[in-house]
C-alpha atoms as a PDB file:
ATOM      1  CA  UNK A   1       0.277  -0.142  -0.085  1.00  0.00           C
ATOM      2  CA  UNK A   2       1.454   3.302  -1.102  1.00  0.00           C
ATOM      3  CA  UNK A   3       1.044   5.824   1.313  1.00  0.00           C
ATOM      4  CA  UNK A   4      -1.298   8.121  -0.823  1.00  0.00           C
ATOM      5  CA  UNK A   5      -3.595   5.173  -0.892  1.00  0.00           C
ATOM      6  CA  UNK A   6      -6.963   5.467   0.866  1.00  0.00           C
ATOM      7  CA  UNK A   7      -7.040   3.346   3.697  1.00  0.00           C
ATOM      8  CA  UNK A   8     -11.086   2.125   4.647  1.00  0.00           C
ATOM      9  CA  UNK A   9      -9.506   1.647   8.257  1.00  0.00           C
ATOM     10  CA  UNK A  10      -8.561   5.203   8.518  1.00  0.00           C
ATOM     11  CA  UNK A  11     -10.745   6.749  11.171  1.00  0.00           C
ATOM     12  CA  UNK A  12     -11.937  10.610  10.777  1.00  0.00           C
ATOM     13  CA  UNK A  13     -14.386  12.410  12.985  1.00  0.00           C
ATOM     14  CA  UNK A  14     -16.300  15.392  11.703  1.00  0.00           C
ATOM     15  CA  UNK A  15     -17.734  18.029  13.947  1.00  0.00           C
ATOM     16  CA  UNK A  16     -19.844  20.717  12.465  1.00  0.00           C
ATOM     17  CA  UNK A  17     -22.891  21.788  13.767  1.00  0.00           C
ATOM     18  CA  UNK A  18     -24.874  21.983  11.060  1.00  0.00           C
ATOM     19  CA  UNK A  19     -26.302  18.547  10.245  1.00  0.00           C
ATOM     20  CA  UNK A  20     -26.569  18.742   6.819  1.00  0.00           C
ATOM     21  CA  UNK A  21     -22.724  20.029   6.659  1.00  0.00           C
ATOM     22  CA  UNK A  22     -21.854  16.394   8.212  1.00  0.00           C
ATOM     23  CA  UNK A  23     -23.992  14.270   5.940  1.00  0.00           C
ATOM     24  CA  UNK A  24     -22.041  16.038   3.059  1.00  0.00           C
ATOM     25  CA  UNK A  25     -18.781  15.278   4.063  1.00  0.00           C
ATOM     26  CA  UNK A  26     -19.601  12.031   5.211  1.00  0.00           C
ATOM     27  CA  UNK A  27     -20.531  11.283   1.851  1.00  0.00           C
ATOM     28  CA  UNK A  28     -17.678  12.774   0.004  1.00  0.00           C
ATOM     29  CA  UNK A  29     -15.356  10.544   2.211  1.00  0.00           C
ATOM     30  CA  UNK A  30     -17.367   7.609   1.880  1.00  0.00           C
ATOM     31  CA  UNK A  31     -17.172   8.395  -2.200  1.00  0.00           C
ATOM     32  CA  UNK A  32     -13.837   7.921  -2.042  1.00  0.00           C
ATOM     33  CA  UNK A  33     -13.552   4.816  -0.124  1.00  0.00           C
ATOM     34  CA  UNK A  34     -13.490   5.801   3.567  1.00  0.00           C
ATOM     35  CA  UNK A  35     -15.876   3.532   5.417  1.00  0.00           C
ATOM     36  CA  UNK A  36     -14.790   4.707   9.257  1.00  0.00           C
ATOM     37  CA  UNK A  37     -16.442   7.978   9.893  1.00  0.00           C
ATOM     38  CA  UNK A  38     -18.149   9.531  12.781  1.00  0.00           C
ATOM     39  CA  UNK A  39     -20.084  12.652  12.770  1.00  0.00           C
ATOM     40  CA  UNK A  40     -21.190  15.180  15.638  1.00  0.00           C
ATOM     41  CA  UNK A  41     -23.211  18.398  15.869  1.00  0.00           C
ATOM     42  CA  UNK A  42     -21.955  19.219  19.512  1.00  0.00           C
ATOM     43  CA  UNK A  43     -18.293  20.669  20.068  1.00  0.00           C
ATOM     44  CA  UNK A  44     -17.962  19.897  23.665  1.00  0.00           C
ATOM     45  CA  UNK A  45     -18.405  16.102  22.612  1.00  0.00           C
ATOM     46  CA  UNK A  46     -15.660  16.520  20.398  1.00  0.00           C
ATOM     47  CA  UNK A  47     -12.660  15.954  23.041  1.00  0.00           C
ATOM     48  CA  UNK A  48     -14.873  12.999  24.320  1.00  0.00           C
ATOM     49  CA  UNK A  49     -15.381  11.340  21.520  1.00  0.00           C
ATOM     50  CA  UNK A  50     -11.695  11.921  20.271  1.00  0.00           C
ATOM     51  CA  UNK A  51     -10.442   9.816  23.745  1.00  0.00           C
ATOM     52  CA  UNK A  52     -13.061   7.331  22.698  1.00  0.00           C
ATOM     53  CA  UNK A  53     -12.003   6.850  18.827  1.00  0.00           C
ATOM     54  CA  UNK A  54      -8.577   7.958  18.695  1.00  0.00           C
ATOM     55  CA  UNK A  55      -9.481   9.195  14.720  1.00  0.00           C
ATOM     56  CA  UNK A  56      -6.500   9.686  12.460  1.00  0.00           C
ATOM     57  CA  UNK A  57      -7.891  12.865  11.623  1.00  0.00           C
ATOM     58  CA  UNK A  58     -10.299  15.654  12.682  1.00  0.00           C
ATOM     59  CA  UNK A  59     -12.177  17.958  10.568  1.00  0.00           C
ATOM     60  CA  UNK A  60     -13.749  20.725  12.691  1.00  0.00           C
ATOM     61  CA  UNK A  61     -15.842  23.768  12.458  1.00  0.00           C
ATOM     62  CA  UNK A  62     -14.089  26.818  13.556  1.00  0.00           C
ATOM     63  CA  UNK A  63     -17.713  28.463  14.821  1.00  0.00           C
ATOM     64  CA  UNK A  64     -19.771  26.254  16.521  1.00  0.00           C
ATOM     65  CA  UNK A  65     -22.210  27.591  18.997  1.00  0.00           C
ATOM     66  CA  UNK A  66     -21.634  25.843  22.193  1.00  0.00           C
ATOM     67  CA  UNK A  67     -17.820  26.089  21.684  1.00  0.00           C
ATOM     68  CA  UNK A  68     -14.899  28.171  20.628  1.00  0.00           C
ATOM     69  CA  UNK A  69     -13.291  25.845  17.562  1.00  0.00           C
ATOM     70  CA  UNK A  70     -10.153  26.751  18.675  1.00  0.00           C
ATOM     71  CA  UNK A  71     -10.506  26.280  22.005  1.00  0.00           C
ATOM     72  CA  UNK A  72     -11.791  22.630  21.387  1.00  0.00           C
ATOM     73  CA  UNK A  73      -8.693  22.300  18.586  1.00  0.00           C
ATOM     74  CA  UNK A  74      -6.108  23.295  21.676  1.00  0.00           C
ATOM     75  CA  UNK A  75      -7.684  20.424  23.850  1.00  0.00           C
ATOM     76  CA  UNK A  76      -7.245  17.991  21.165  1.00  0.00           C
ATOM     77  CA  UNK A  77      -3.909  18.844  20.881  1.00  0.00           C
ATOM     78  CA  UNK A  78      -3.075  18.411  24.221  1.00  0.00           C
ATOM     79  CA  UNK A  79      -5.228  15.383  24.962  1.00  0.00           C
ATOM     80  CA  UNK A  80      -3.079  13.854  22.084  1.00  0.00           C
ATOM     81  CA  UNK A  81      -0.054  14.832  23.690  1.00  0.00           C
ATOM     82  CA  UNK A  82       2.858  12.252  23.241  1.00  0.00           C
ATOM     83  CA  UNK A  83       0.920  10.578  20.312  1.00  0.00           C
ATOM     84  CA  UNK A  84       1.813  10.308  16.995  1.00  0.00           C
ATOM     85  CA  UNK A  85       0.776  13.683  14.545  1.00  0.00           C
ATOM     86  CA  UNK A  86      -2.931  14.148  14.896  1.00  0.00           C
ATOM     87  CA  UNK A  87      -3.894  16.412  11.674  1.00  0.00           C
ATOM     88  CA  UNK A  88      -6.673  18.813  12.326  1.00  0.00           C
ATOM     89  CA  UNK A  89      -8.812  20.437   9.322  1.00  0.00           C
ATOM     90  CA  UNK A  90     -10.236  23.484   9.875  1.00  0.00           C
ATOM     91  CA  UNK A  91     -13.844  23.801   8.128  1.00  0.00           C
ATOM     92  CA  UNK A  92     -14.920  27.776   8.328  1.00  0.00           C
ATOM     93  CA  UNK A  93     -16.343  29.820   5.766  1.00  0.00           C
ATOM     94  CA  UNK A  94     -14.467  32.802   7.162  1.00  0.00           C
ATOM     95  CA  UNK A  95     -11.348  33.144   5.135  1.00  0.00           C
ATOM     96  CA  UNK A  96     -10.108  35.844   6.292  1.00  0.00           C
ATOM     97  CA  UNK A  97      -5.915  35.847   6.659  1.00  0.00           C
ATOM     98  CA  UNK A  98      -6.574  36.847  10.643  1.00  0.00           C
ATOM     99  CA  UNK A  99      -9.036  33.794  10.794  1.00  0.00           C
ATOM    100  CA  UNK A 100      -6.275  31.288   9.202  1.00  0.00           C
ATOM    101  CA  UNK A 101      -3.889  33.061  11.002  1.00  0.00           C
ATOM    102  CA  UNK A 102      -5.591  32.682  14.698  1.00  0.00           C
ATOM    103  CA  UNK A 103      -6.259  28.515  13.423  1.00  0.00           C
ATOM    104  CA  UNK A 104      -2.236  28.004  12.458  1.00  0.00           C
ATOM    105  CA  UNK A 105      -1.363  29.392  15.592  1.00  0.00           C
ATOM    106  CA  UNK A 106      -3.745  27.075  17.449  1.00  0.00           C
ATOM    107  CA  UNK A 107      -2.083  24.053  15.586  1.00  0.00           C
ATOM    108  CA  UNK A 108      -4.599  23.595  12.432  1.00  0.00           C
ATOM    109  CA  UNK A 109      -3.228  21.182   9.785  1.00  0.00           C
ATOM    110  CA  UNK A 110      -5.231  22.812   6.776  1.00  0.00           C
ATOM    111  CA  UNK A 111      -8.132  24.371   5.877  1.00  0.00           C
ATOM    112  CA  UNK A 112     -11.288  23.675   3.979  1.00  0.00           C
ATOM    113  CA  UNK A 113     -13.405  26.450   2.767  1.00  0.00           C
ATOM    114  CA  UNK A 114     -17.399  26.485   2.779  1.00  0.00           C
ATOM    115  CA  UNK A 115     -19.543  25.483   1.002  1.00  0.00           C
ATOM    116  CA  UNK A 116     -17.333  22.496   0.334  1.00  0.00           C
ATOM    117  CA  UNK A 117     -15.605  21.348  -3.088  1.00  0.00           C
ATOM    118  CA  UNK A 118     -15.807  17.630  -2.792  1.00  0.00           C
ATOM    119  CA  UNK A 119     -12.574  17.215  -4.556  1.00  0.00           C
ATOM    120  CA  UNK A 120     -10.417  19.423  -2.320  1.00  0.00           C
ATOM    121  CA  UNK A 121     -12.189  17.702   0.924  1.00  0.00           C
ATOM    122  CA  UNK A 122     -10.992  14.438  -0.291  1.00  0.00           C
ATOM    123  CA  UNK A 123      -7.047  15.781  -1.473  1.00  0.00           C
ATOM    124  CA  UNK A 124      -6.627  17.547   1.676  1.00  0.00           C
ATOM    125  CA  UNK A 125      -7.647  14.639   3.768  1.00  0.00           C
ATOM    126  CA  UNK A 126      -6.226  11.999   1.578  1.00  0.00           C
ATOM    127  CA  UNK A 127      -2.934  14.041   2.035  1.00  0.00           C
ATOM    128  CA  UNK A 128      -3.038  14.394   5.474  1.00  0.00           C
ATOM    129  CA  UNK A 129      -3.683  10.942   6.617  1.00  0.00           C
ATOM    130  CA  UNK A 130      -0.699   9.625   4.308  1.00  0.00           C
ATOM    131  CA  UNK A 131       1.189  12.074   6.893  1.00  0.00           C
ATOM    132  CA  UNK A 132      -0.184  10.640   9.523  1.00  0.00           C
ATOM    133  CA  UNK A 133       0.635   7.095   8.452  1.00  0.00           C
ATOM    134  CA  UNK A 134       4.145   8.041   7.701  1.00  0.00           C
ATOM    135  CA  UNK A 135       4.590   9.428  11.240  1.00  0.00           C
ATOM    136  CA  UNK A 136       2.816   5.774  12.843  1.00  0.00           C
ATOM    137  CA  UNK A 137       5.352   4.347  10.908  1.00  0.00           C
ATOM    138  CA  UNK A 138       7.992   6.048  12.098  1.00  0.00           C
ATOM    139  CA  UNK A 139       6.768   5.775  15.396  1.00  0.00           C
ATOM    140  CA  UNK A 140       6.677   2.270  15.442  1.00  0.00           C
ATOM    141  CA  UNK A 141      10.286   1.698  13.592  1.00  0.00           C
ATOM    142  CA  UNK A 142      11.297   4.022  16.553  1.00  0.00           C
ATOM    143  CA  UNK A 143       9.598   1.712  19.352  1.00  0.00           C
ATOM    144  CA  UNK A 144      10.791  -1.441  17.239  1.00  0.00           C
ATOM    145  CA  UNK A 145      14.557   0.183  17.206  1.00  0.00           C
ATOM    146  CA  UNK A 146      14.157   1.083  21.331  1.00  0.00           C
ATOM    147  CA  UNK A 147      12.942  -2.216  22.102  1.00  0.00           C
ATOM    148  CA  UNK A 148      16.045  -4.018  19.924  1.00  0.00           C
ATOM    149  CA  UNK A 149      18.750  -1.735  21.901  1.00  0.00           C
ATOM    150  CA  UNK A 150      16.643  -2.573  25.533  1.00  0.00           C
ATOM    151  CA  UNK A 151      17.037  -6.362  24.384  1.00  0.00           C
ATOM    152  CA  UNK A 152      20.659  -5.798  23.498  1.00  0.00           C
ATOM    153  CA  UNK A 153      21.280  -3.641  26.604  1.00  0.00           C
ATOM    154  CA  UNK A 154      19.768  -6.078  28.724  1.00  0.00           C
ATOM    155  CA  UNK A 155      21.492  -9.075  27.120  1.00  0.00           C
ATOM    156  CA  UNK A 156      24.923  -7.125  27.940  1.00  0.00           C
ATOM    157  CA  UNK A 157      23.555  -6.027  31.654  1.00  0.00           C
ATOM    158  CA  UNK A 158      22.912 -10.227  31.921  1.00  0.00           C
ATOM    159  CA  UNK A 159      26.040 -11.075  30.801  1.00  0.00           C
ATOM    160  CA  UNK A 160      28.131  -8.868  33.150  1.00  0.00           C
ATOM    161  CA  UNK A 161      26.102  -9.838  36.091  1.00  0.00           C
ATOM    162  CA  UNK A 162      26.946 -13.777  35.325  1.00  0.00           C
ATOM    163  CA  UNK A 163      30.384 -12.965  35.219  1.00  0.00           C
ATOM    164  CA  UNK A 164      29.986 -10.729  38.153  1.00  0.00           C
ATOM    165  CA  UNK A 165      28.353 -13.302  40.319  1.00  0.00           C
ATOM    166  CA  UNK A 166      30.574 -16.257  39.263  1.00  0.00           C
ATOM    167  CA  UNK A 167      33.658 -13.657  40.231  1.00  0.00           C
ATOM    168  CA  UNK A 168      31.735 -13.460  43.414  1.00  0.00           C
ATOM    169  CA  UNK A 169      31.366 -17.371  44.041  1.00  0.00           C
ATOM    170  CA  UNK A 170      35.317 -17.981  43.195  1.00  0.00           C
ATOM    171  CA  UNK A 171      35.858 -14.812  46.057  1.00  0.00           C
ATOM    172  CA  UNK A 172      34.119 -16.610  48.117  1.00  0.00           C
ATOM    173  CA  UNK A 173      35.173 -20.127  48.021  1.00  0.00           C
ATOM    174  CA  UNK A 174      38.176 -18.101  49.256  1.00  0.00           C
ATOM    175  CA  UNK A 175      36.707 -17.816  52.633  1.00  0.00           C
ATOM    176  CA  UNK A 176      34.158 -20.108  52.552  1.00  0.00           C
ATOM    177  CA  UNK A 177      34.953 -23.820  51.049  1.00  0.00           C
ATOM    178  CA  UNK A 178      30.679 -24.399  50.464  1.00  0.00           C
ATOM    179  CA  UNK A 179      30.753 -21.192  48.356  1.00  0.00           C
ATOM    180  CA  UNK A 180      26.958 -20.915  49.420  1.00  0.00           C
ATOM    181  CA  UNK A 181      27.517 -17.787  51.708  1.00  0.00           C
ATOM    182  CA  UNK A 182      26.598 -15.534  48.914  1.00  0.00           C
ATOM    183  CA  UNK A 183      23.334 -17.912  47.796  1.00  0.00           C
ATOM    184  CA  UNK A 184      22.485 -17.520  51.531  1.00  0.00           C
ATOM    185  CA  UNK A 185      22.944 -13.893  51.990  1.00  0.00           C
ATOM    186  CA  UNK A 186      20.755 -13.131  49.527  1.00  0.00           C
ATOM    187  CA  UNK A 187      18.157 -15.678  50.469  1.00  0.00           C
ATOM    188  CA  UNK A 188      17.979 -14.347  54.526  1.00  0.00           C
ATOM    189  CA  UNK A 189      18.148 -10.373  52.928  1.00  0.00           C
ATOM    190  CA  UNK A 190      15.379 -10.866  50.836  1.00  0.00           C
ATOM    191  CA  UNK A 191      13.916 -12.457  53.821  1.00  0.00           C
ATOM    192  CA  UNK A 192      14.543  -9.544  55.899  1.00  0.00           C
ATOM    193  CA  UNK A 193      13.150  -6.525  53.143  1.00  0.00           C
ATOM    194  CA  UNK A 194       9.823  -8.619  53.243  1.00  0.00           C
ATOM    195  CA  UNK A 195       9.565  -8.947  57.348  1.00  0.00           C
ATOM    196  CA  UNK A 196       9.788  -4.986  57.259  1.00  0.00           C
ATOM    197  CA  UNK A 197       7.220  -4.436  54.453  1.00  0.00           C
ATOM    198  CA  UNK A 198       9.056  -3.686  51.259  1.00  0.00           C
ATOM    199  CA  UNK A 199       7.840  -4.202  47.733  1.00  0.00           C
ATOM    200  CA  UNK A 200       8.264  -7.123  45.980  1.00  0.00           C
ATOM    201  CA  UNK A 201      10.119  -5.261  43.539  1.00  0.00           C
ATOM    202  CA  UNK A 202      12.927  -4.111  46.122  1.00  0.00           C
ATOM    203  CA  UNK A 203      12.824  -7.693  47.945  1.00  0.00           C
ATOM    204  CA  UNK A 204      13.952  -9.398  44.188  1.00  0.00           C
ATOM    205  CA  UNK A 205      16.564  -6.645  43.834  1.00  0.00           C
ATOM    206  CA  UNK A 206      17.841  -7.414  47.164  1.00  0.00           C
ATOM    207  CA  UNK A 207      18.046 -11.195  46.753  1.00  0.00           C
ATOM    208  CA  UNK A 208      19.745 -10.672  43.595  1.00  0.00           C
ATOM    209  CA  UNK A 209      22.206  -7.967  44.787  1.00  0.00           C
ATOM    210  CA  UNK A 210      22.840  -9.195  48.218  1.00  0.00           C
ATOM    211  CA  UNK A 211      25.265 -11.909  47.079  1.00  0.00           C
ATOM    212  CA  UNK A 212      27.596  -9.545  45.522  1.00  0.00           C
ATOM    213  CA  UNK A 213      28.226  -7.718  48.475  1.00  0.00           C
ATOM    214  CA  UNK A 214      31.780  -9.181  49.268  1.00  0.00           C
ATOM    215  CA  UNK A 215      32.809  -8.963  45.949  1.00  0.00           C
ATOM    216  CA  UNK A 216      35.726  -6.664  46.616  1.00  0.00           C
ATOM    217  CA  UNK A 217      37.797  -9.515  48.768  1.00  0.00           C
ATOM    218  CA  UNK A 218      38.843 -10.623  45.219  1.00  0.00           C
ATOM    219  CA  UNK A 219      41.584  -8.206  45.941  1.00  0.00           C
ATOM    220  CA  UNK A 220      42.312  -8.890  49.451  1.00  0.00           C
ATOM    221  CA  UNK A 221      45.590 -11.129  50.358  1.00  0.00           C
ATOM    222  CA  UNK A 222      44.889 -14.703  51.764  1.00  0.00           C
ATOM    223  CA  UNK A 223      47.426 -13.936  54.603  1.00  0.00           C
ATOM    224  CA  UNK A 224      45.166 -11.262  55.951  1.00  0.00           C
ATOM    225  CA  UNK A 225      41.680 -13.189  54.772  1.00  0.00           C
ATOM    226  CA  UNK A 226      42.292 -16.411  56.079  1.00  0.00           C
ATOM    227  CA  UNK A 227      44.307 -14.894  59.702  1.00  0.00           C
ATOM    228  CA  UNK A 228      43.331 -17.023  62.336  1.00  0.00           C
ATOM    229  CA  UNK A 229      43.610 -14.260  64.871  1.00  0.00           C
ATOM    230  CA  UNK A 230      42.997 -10.567  65.168  1.00  0.00           C
ATOM    231  CA  UNK A 231      44.335  -8.338  62.360  1.00  0.00           C
ATOM    232  CA  UNK A 232      46.421  -5.452  63.162  1.00  0.00           C
ATOM    233  CA  UNK A 233      45.505  -2.093  62.476  1.00  0.00           C
ATOM    234  CA  UNK A 234      47.412  -2.185  58.869  1.00  0.00           C
ATOM    235  CA  UNK A 235      45.743  -5.407  58.029  1.00  0.00           C
ATOM    236  CA  UNK A 236      42.009  -3.648  59.227  1.00  0.00           C
ATOM    237  CA  UNK A 237      42.836  -1.212  57.058  1.00  0.00           C
ATOM    238  CA  UNK A 238      43.427  -3.589  53.894  1.00  0.00           C
ATOM    239  CA  UNK A 239      40.508  -5.722  55.132  1.00  0.00           C
ATOM    240  CA  UNK A 240      38.415  -2.601  54.868  1.00  0.00           C
ATOM    241  CA  UNK A 241      38.582  -1.735  51.389  1.00  0.00           C
ATOM    242  CA  UNK A 242      36.791  -4.811  50.408  1.00  0.00           C
ATOM    243  CA  UNK A 243      33.939  -2.382  50.332  1.00  0.00           C
ATOM    244  CA  UNK A 244      35.072   0.312  47.883  1.00  0.00           C
ATOM    245  CA  UNK A 245      36.701  -2.010  45.663  1.00  0.00           C
ATOM    246  CA  UNK A 246      33.479  -4.395  45.652  1.00  0.00           C
ATOM    247  CA  UNK A 247      31.535  -0.931  45.036  1.00  0.00           C
ATOM    248  CA  UNK A 248      33.960   0.277  41.897  1.00  0.00           C
ATOM    249  CA  UNK A 249      33.590  -3.233  40.513  1.00  0.00           C
ATOM    250  CA  UNK A 250      30.182  -3.177  40.474  1.00  0.00           C
ATOM    251  CA  UNK A 251      29.656   0.766  39.581  1.00  0.00           C
ATOM    252  CA  UNK A 252      28.850   1.967  35.697  1.00  0.00           C
ATOM    253  CA  UNK A 253      25.826  -0.054  35.468  1.00  0.00           C
ATOM    254  CA  UNK A 254      22.566   1.947  34.284  1.00  0.00           C
ATOM    255  CA  UNK A 255      20.170  -0.513  35.616  1.00  0.00           C
ATOM    256  CA  UNK A 256      18.484  -0.867  39.028  1.00  0.00           C
ATOM    257  CA  UNK A 257      20.161  -4.335  39.932  1.00  0.00           C
ATOM    258  CA  UNK A 258      23.586  -3.330  39.616  1.00  0.00           C
ATOM    259  CA  UNK A 259      22.926   0.303  41.207  1.00  0.00           C
ATOM    260  CA  UNK A 260      21.636  -1.785  44.108  1.00  0.00           C
ATOM    261  CA  UNK A 261      24.735  -4.065  44.358  1.00  0.00           C
ATOM    262  CA  UNK A 262      26.885  -1.395  44.029  1.00  0.00           C
ATOM    263  CA  UNK A 263      25.368   0.653  47.507  1.00  0.00           C
ATOM    264  CA  UNK A 264      25.502  -2.716  49.672  1.00  0.00           C
ATOM    265  CA  UNK A 265      28.932  -3.336  48.583  1.00  0.00           C
ATOM    266  CA  UNK A 266      29.858  -0.368  49.718  1.00  0.00           C
ATOM    267  CA  UNK A 267      27.753   0.016  52.735  1.00  0.00           C
ATOM    268  CA  UNK A 268      27.015  -3.081  54.317  1.00  0.00           C
ATOM    269  CA  UNK A 269      29.901  -2.836  56.983  1.00  0.00           C
ATOM    270  CA  UNK A 270      28.536   0.824  57.895  1.00  0.00           C
ATOM    271  CA  UNK A 271      27.066   1.069  61.372  1.00  0.00           C
ATOM    272  CA  UNK A 272      23.795   2.429  62.542  1.00  0.00           C
ATOM    273  CA  UNK A 273      26.049   4.853  65.035  1.00  0.00           C
ATOM    274  CA  UNK A 274      27.905   5.958  62.250  1.00  0.00           C
ATOM    275  CA  UNK A 275      31.322   3.804  63.759  1.00  0.00           C
ATOM    276  CA  UNK A 276      31.423   1.635  60.919  1.00  0.00           C
ATOM    277  CA  UNK A 277      33.264   1.570  57.405  1.00  0.00           C
ATOM    278  CA  UNK A 278      34.152   2.823  54.988  1.00  0.00           C
ATOM    279  CA  UNK A 279      32.141   6.263  55.143  1.00  0.00           C
ATOM    280  CA  UNK A 280      31.169   6.398  58.635  1.00  0.00           C
ATOM    281  CA  UNK A 281      27.057   6.883  57.414  1.00  0.00           C
ATOM    282  CA  UNK A 282      24.941   6.392  60.363  1.00  0.00           C
ATOM    283  CA  UNK A 283      21.220   5.661  60.559  1.00  0.00           C
ATOM    284  CA  UNK A 284      19.064   6.430  57.457  1.00  0.00           C
ATOM    285  CA  UNK A 285      22.192   8.156  55.524  1.00  0.00           C
ATOM    286  CA  UNK A 286      22.867   4.123  55.269  1.00  0.00           C
ATOM    287  CA  UNK A 287      21.306   2.836  52.148  1.00  0.00           C
ATOM    288  CA  UNK A 288      18.378   0.508  53.000  1.00  0.00           C
ATOM    289  CA  UNK A 289      19.326  -2.354  51.393  1.00  0.00           C
ATOM    290  CA  UNK A 290      23.365  -2.077  52.767  1.00  0.00           C
ATOM    291  CA  UNK A 291      21.647  -2.285  56.186  1.00  0.00           C
ATOM    292  CA  UNK A 292      19.240  -4.995  55.288  1.00  0.00           C
ATOM    293  CA  UNK A 293      22.503  -6.700  54.261  1.00  0.00           C
ATOM    294  CA  UNK A 294      24.550  -6.144  56.908  1.00  0.00           C
ATOM    295  CA  UNK A 295      22.429  -8.010  59.423  1.00  0.00           C
ATOM    296  CA  UNK A 296      22.116 -10.991  56.602  1.00  0.00           C
ATOM    297  CA  UNK A 297      25.896 -11.165  56.312  1.00  0.00           C
ATOM    298  CA  UNK A 298      26.407 -10.815  59.654  1.00  0.00           C
ATOM    299  CA  UNK A 299      24.403 -13.722  61.077  1.00  0.00           C
ATOM    300  CA  UNK A 300      25.151 -16.081  58.399  1.00  0.00           C
ATOM    301  CA  UNK A 301      29.042 -15.421  58.604  1.00  0.00           C
ATOM    302  CA  UNK A 302      29.267 -16.134  61.971  1.00  0.00           C
ATOM    303  CA  UNK A 303      26.915 -19.197  62.239  1.00  0.00           C
ATOM    304  CA  UNK A 304      28.508 -21.189  59.402  1.00  0.00           C
ATOM    305  CA  UNK A 305      32.114 -22.666  59.667  1.00  0.00           C
ATOM    306  CA  UNK A 306      35.162 -20.809  58.172  1.00  0.00           C
ATOM    307  CA  UNK A 307      39.045 -21.635  57.396  1.00  0.00           C
ATOM    308  CA  UNK A 308      39.797 -19.954  61.018  1.00  0.00           C
ATOM    309  CA  UNK A 309      37.065 -20.328  62.869  1.00  0.00           C
ATOM    310  CA  UNK A 310      34.073 -22.703  63.707  1.00  0.00           C
ATOM    311  CA  UNK A 311      30.136 -21.664  63.647  1.00  0.00           C
ATOM    312  CA  UNK A 312      28.779 -20.055  66.612  1.00  0.00           C
ATOM    313  CA  UNK A 313      25.474 -21.515  67.855  1.00  0.00           C
ATOM    314  CA  UNK A 314      22.439 -19.742  65.969  1.00  0.00           C
ATOM    315  CA  UNK A 315      21.061 -18.201  69.159  1.00  0.00           C
ATOM    316  CA  UNK A 316      24.142 -16.647  70.317  1.00  0.00           C
ATOM    317  CA  UNK A 317      24.232 -14.834  66.867  1.00  0.00           C
ATOM    318  CA  UNK A 318      20.402 -13.913  67.516  1.00  0.00           C
ATOM    319  CA  UNK A 319      21.152 -12.106  70.224  1.00  0.00           C
ATOM    320  CA  UNK A 320      24.330 -10.437  69.600  1.00  0.00           C
ATOM    321  CA  UNK A 321      22.127  -8.726  66.633  1.00  0.00           C
ATOM    322  CA  UNK A 322      18.905  -8.124  69.167  1.00  0.00           C
ATOM    323  CA  UNK A 323      21.465  -6.527  71.646  1.00  0.00           C
ATOM    324  CA  UNK A 324      23.550  -4.741  68.599  1.00  0.00           C
ATOM    325  CA  UNK A 325      19.807  -2.901  67.640  1.00  0.00           C
ATOM    326  CA  UNK A 326      20.559   0.901  67.628  1.00  0.00           C
ATOM    327  CA  UNK A 327      24.250   0.876  67.623  1.00  0.00           C
ATOM    328  CA  UNK A 328      25.662  -1.550  64.878  1.00  0.00           C
ATOM    329  CA  UNK A 329      22.317  -2.312  63.625  1.00  0.00           C
ATOM    330  CA  UNK A 330      19.125  -0.885  62.269  1.00  0.00           C
ATOM    331  CA  UNK A 331      16.527  -1.477  64.880  1.00  0.00           C
ATOM    332  CA  UNK A 332      13.631  -2.087  62.807  1.00  0.00           C
ATOM    333  CA  UNK A 333      15.787  -5.039  60.721  1.00  0.00           C
ATOM    334  CA  UNK A 334      17.047  -6.693  64.195  1.00  0.00           C
ATOM    335  CA  UNK A 335      13.709  -6.718  65.452  1.00  0.00           C
ATOM    336  CA  UNK A 336      12.423  -9.003  62.668  1.00  0.00           C
ATOM    337  CA  UNK A 337      15.490 -11.690  62.647  1.00  0.00           C
ATOM    338  CA  UNK A 338      14.006 -14.160  64.760  1.00  0.00           C
ATOM    339  CA  UNK A 339      11.122 -14.518  62.267  1.00  0.00           C
ATOM    340  CA  UNK A 340      13.253 -14.920  59.330  1.00  0.00           C
ATOM    341  CA  UNK A 341      12.964 -18.444  58.188  1.00  0.00           C
ATOM    342  CA  UNK A 342      16.679 -18.806  57.166  1.00  0.00           C
ATOM    343  CA  UNK A 343      17.784 -17.405  60.706  1.00  0.00           C
ATOM    344  CA  UNK A 344      15.358 -19.911  62.695  1.00  0.00           C
ATOM    345  CA  UNK A 345      16.170 -22.766  60.811  1.00  0.00           C
ATOM    346  CA  UNK A 346      12.874 -23.155  58.921  1.00  0.00           C
ATOM    347  CA  UNK A 347      13.209 -24.149  54.920  1.00  0.00           C
ATOM    348  CA  UNK A 348      12.503 -21.267  52.983  1.00  0.00           C
ATOM    349  CA  UNK A 349       9.502 -20.244  51.093  1.00  0.00           C
ATOM    350  CA  UNK A 350      10.281 -21.225  47.154  1.00  0.00           C
ATOM    351  CA  UNK A 351      11.146 -18.688  45.096  1.00  0.00           C
ATOM    352  CA  UNK A 352      10.136 -18.169  41.603  1.00  0.00           C
END
């Protein structure tokens, strides 16, 4: 189909307060193959009909008794905001240059003079509908292009995330021979987020991002990471850099998951009282996802064996978290730790 051919599917709305005019225009258009034509003699109903019908072109009388045609046209343009080009043809017997200027200034696409010349009506409508079809085709192609770009971007983001997840697992294997710590932290963090009434999208983000919290440990020497005794001040400084290194590894992402993971890596060792690291943030200045992961990480790290120490009994760890509410941990999160299935030995709910 060429752009200048007639498409019976094109929807046409005709608004003129004189019934005979609407009949004439409808007959002219039907004679040239248009079948989807709607008419009204009430100016105040035009905008409502536009919302209902979404016409491809509007033929609008400039002077109607119940509303000013220019005002109606402005309302139509506002109602179509964000949509494809909407041609509006002004029907008028006023051929003065001032009337034309006013109509063009208000957004008119073209004019048809009264009394109507059938050939002129048909040509103007056909040409404007062809222009609208081109706009719609371009909009469709743009949407298709945007979808393809998004698909490619999503694929690249997924690939990057997979690499980072594998890196996190490899990092964790240096500190947890089972390699399950990252998965367990993600599960417990999601349960805690749900228990403090966070929306499902946030819960899922935390579930997927929290396992990357210690990815910066890839840069920490084994002599420090596996040291069985207390770290020296210098060694502690090196260990603490895993937060900023992890955030740097995860930085540059433009999707919510990578941004959340970066914030968690940077903030999961901050403390509610402002005595944590690396930035000594306090209370709500610490990102919520970081506060949640801090509790989940603390619980899981202590309740499982590490190469340099044995697991601490679950009840002792739960008590430590509760005692740390308001100092080390966000009180609201510490208050729900015993309700989390992963923290009290219940089987976590299956996730999709």
